[in-house]
Amino acid sequence: MTQRPDQQPELRLLPAPRRETVDLVWRTFSEVLIPLEALRERYFRNLNKDNFAKAIKEGRIGLPITTLDDSAKALQYVEAHHLAAYIEQRAYLADEELARRIGTA
């Protein structure tokens, strides 16, 4: 985030996810806050717990983590709208990559 002394910080927000994507995430997990382990088991089976935690911590998987208290042992969650936006972002990047590969970009 860049900031000049006379301005507010620049926000880098993703577009809101489509309602259909949020609905699909909701139907998949039936929760607004998705436990990190449930998310890993569903979409990141290729990563073990440690590698998944490392990928999130390093930003390779760009999902904001939510906790309900400030304890170091607090359970970690991903909010359904964040996951829906992430899924759409990854789909967009895949579309861009395909267009680049076949030369239509």
Foldseek 3Di string as FASTA:
>chain_A
DDDDPVDDDDDDDFPFFDPVLLVVLCVVQVDQWAFPVNVCVPPVVVDDPVRSVVCPVVCVQPFDWDFPDDDPPTTITGGSRRVRSSVVVVVVVVVVVVCVVVVND
